[in-house]
Amino acid sequence: MSDDRPTSPLASRVRALADYFVGTDLLRLRIERETEEIELGRRRLHPDMVPPVPHDLNVAESAPLRLDPIKADLVGIFHLSRPAPTAGDLLEGDRELAYVEALGIRNPVRSRGSGRIATIAANDGAAVEYGQVLFEIDRG
């Protein structure tokens, strides 16, 4: 299906960036300039979307991910702690990553140990449900 509508230069650039982004293993990409801001992101990478690794590269075998989901203990509004954690952050020990506000009370969401943040599955300021995955921590 082709779209013959005229596109703006910005729309063309965003489309090209999105096409490139889909072929990478990036979870989030943000570009800011004085007059424009573009942010692309995804929660998880589907295995079919991973670009093939060329055989001529010397890529070390990486350990498989051991993802530990951190879930909401109650219904409320999700807020990231400050400084805000990002995917890829290394956690040296137990750390408060966020909190869920319910009835005006801040209920901390902790990492429950060391690891690396693989995914932030909820948006800051979003309503969350009991048992909803908020973070995935790679314990590997």
Protein backbone atom coordinates (compact mmCIF):
# COMPACT_ATOMS: atom_id res chain seq x y z
CA MET A 1 0.00 0.00 0.00
CA SER A 2 1.65 3.24 -1.08
CA ASP A 3 0.90 6.64 0.34
CA ASP A 4 1.09 9.42 -2.26
CA ARG A 5 0.43 12.25 0.20
CA PRO A 6 3.16 14.91 0.37
CA THR A 7 5.23 14.66 3.51
CA SER A 8 7.09 17.30 5.42
CA PRO A 9 10.88 17.07 5.74
CA LEU A 10 10.46 16.32 9.46
CA ALA A 11 7.99 13.50 8.76
CA SER A 12 10.37 12.01 6.20
CA ARG A 13 13.25 12.15 8.68
CA VAL A 14 11.15 10.59 11.46
CA ARG A 15 9.99 7.80 9.12
CA ALA A 16 13.59 7.06 8.08
CA LEU A 17 14.71 7.11 11.71
CA ALA A 18 11.86 4.78 12.74
CA ASP A 19 12.70 2.36 9.92
CA TYR A 20 16.32 2.29 11.09
CA PHE A 21 15.28 1.97 14.76
CA VAL A 22 13.18 -1.13 14.06
CA GLY A 23 16.27 -2.92 12.74
CA THR A 24 18.34 -2.32 15.90
CA ASP A 25 18.30 -3.69 19.44
CA LEU A 26 17.84 -0.22 20.96
CA LEU A 27 15.07 0.16 23.53
CA ARG A 28 14.90 3.95 23.47
CA LEU A 29 16.24 6.68 21.23
CA ARG A 30 15.83 10.39 21.94
CA ILE A 31 17.09 13.25 19.77
CA GLU A 32 16.71 16.85 20.90
CA ARG A 33 17.49 20.01 18.98
CA GLU A 34 16.59 23.62 19.58
CA THR A 35 13.38 23.46 17.55
CA GLU A 36 12.50 19.76 17.49
CA GLU A 37 12.46 16.69 19.66
CA ILE A 38 12.05 13.07 18.59
CA GLU A 39 11.76 10.06 20.89
CA LEU A 40 11.30 6.46 19.83
CA GLY A 41 11.02 3.51 22.17
CA ARG A 42 9.80 0.00 22.67
CA ARG A 43 9.29 -2.23 25.66
CA ARG A 44 10.77 -5.47 24.38
CA LEU A 45 12.56 -6.52 21.28
CA HIS A 46 10.82 -9.30 19.37
CA PRO A 47 13.36 -12.00 18.37
CA ASP A 48 12.42 -11.63 14.68
CA MET A 49 13.41 -7.94 14.79
CA VAL A 50 17.02 -8.50 15.81
CA PRO A 51 19.29 -7.77 12.87
CA PRO A 52 21.62 -10.63 11.97
CA VAL A 53 25.18 -10.31 13.26
CA PRO A 54 27.76 -10.52 10.48
CA HIS A 55 29.90 -13.66 10.82
CA ASP A 56 33.12 -11.75 10.27
CA LEU A 57 32.72 -9.77 13.51
CA ASN A 58 34.43 -11.04 16.65
CA VAL A 59 31.45 -10.92 18.99
CA ALA A 60 31.89 -12.54 22.37
CA GLU A 61 29.12 -14.82 23.52
CA SER A 62 27.12 -12.92 26.10
CA ALA A 63 25.48 -14.55 29.07
CA PRO A 64 21.74 -15.13 28.65
CA LEU A 65 19.52 -12.61 30.38
CA ARG A 66 17.94 -13.60 33.68
CA LEU A 67 15.10 -11.11 33.80
CA ASP A 68 13.45 -10.54 37.17
CA PRO A 69 10.17 -8.60 36.90
CA ILE A 70 9.48 -5.92 39.51
CA LYS A 71 5.71 -5.62 39.82
CA ALA A 72 3.33 -3.09 41.35
CA ASP A 73 2.19 -4.05 44.84
CA LEU A 74 -0.90 -1.87 44.61
CA VAL A 75 -3.05 0.27 42.32
CA GLY A 76 -1.94 3.89 41.97
CA ILE A 77 0.06 6.42 39.99
CA PHE A 78 3.62 5.44 38.98
CA HIS A 79 6.45 7.96 39.39
CA LEU A 80 10.16 7.46 38.70
CA SER A 81 12.51 8.36 41.55
CA ARG A 82 15.09 11.11 41.12
CA PRO A 83 17.57 10.79 39.55
CA ALA A 84 15.36 8.90 37.12
CA PRO A 85 16.60 5.40 36.30
CA THR A 86 17.08 4.48 32.64
CA ALA A 87 17.30 1.17 30.80
CA GLY A 88 20.87 -0.06 30.99
CA ASP A 89 21.63 1.44 34.42
CA LEU A 90 23.80 -0.79 36.60
CA LEU A 91 22.42 -1.33 40.09
CA GLU A 92 25.06 -2.04 42.74
CA GLY A 93 22.56 -3.03 45.43
CA ASP A 94 19.00 -2.47 46.55
CA ARG A 95 17.82 0.91 45.25
CA GLU A 96 14.55 2.80 45.11
CA LEU A 97 13.71 3.03 41.41
CA ALA A 98 10.26 4.57 41.62
CA TYR A 99 7.20 4.86 43.79
CA VAL A 100 3.49 4.22 43.39
CA GLU A 101 1.33 6.96 44.85
CA ALA A 102 -1.94 5.71 46.32
CA LEU A 103 -4.24 7.84 48.50
CA GLY A 104 -1.49 10.45 48.79
CA ILE A 105 1.03 7.93 50.16
CA ARG A 106 4.32 7.19 48.37
CA ASN A 107 4.95 3.44 48.23
CA PRO A 108 8.54 2.72 47.11
CA VAL A 109 9.39 0.35 44.26
CA ARG A 110 12.82 -1.13 44.99
CA SER A 111 15.24 -3.09 42.81
CA ARG A 112 15.56 -5.90 45.42
CA GLY A 113 19.27 -6.33 44.78
CA SER A 114 21.93 -5.71 42.17
CA GLY A 115 21.66 -6.12 38.42
CA ARG A 116 21.06 -4.02 35.31
CA ILE A 117 17.77 -2.38 34.36
CA ALA A 118 16.67 -4.15 31.18
CA THR A 119 13.25 -2.53 30.76
CA ILE A 120 11.19 0.26 32.26
CA ALA A 121 7.70 -0.98 31.46
CA ALA A 122 5.60 1.90 32.84
CA ASN A 123 5.57 5.60 32.00
CA ASP A 124 6.12 8.26 34.63
CA GLY A 125 2.72 9.58 35.77
CA ALA A 126 0.79 6.56 34.42
CA ALA A 127 -1.87 4.69 36.35
CA VAL A 128 -0.75 1.16 37.21
CA GLU A 129 -2.64 -1.94 38.29
CA TYR A 130 -1.80 -4.47 40.99
CA GLY A 131 0.70 -7.01 39.62
CA GLN A 132 1.62 -4.91 36.57
CA VAL A 133 5.29 -5.23 35.58
CA LEU A 134 7.06 -1.91 36.19
CA PHE A 135 10.71 -2.90 35.62
CA GLU A 136 12.66 -5.89 34.40
CA ILE A 137 16.05 -6.35 36.04
CA ASP A 138 18.76 -8.52 34.43
CA ARG A 139 20.28 -10.48 37.32
CA GLY A 140 22.81 -12.24 35.03
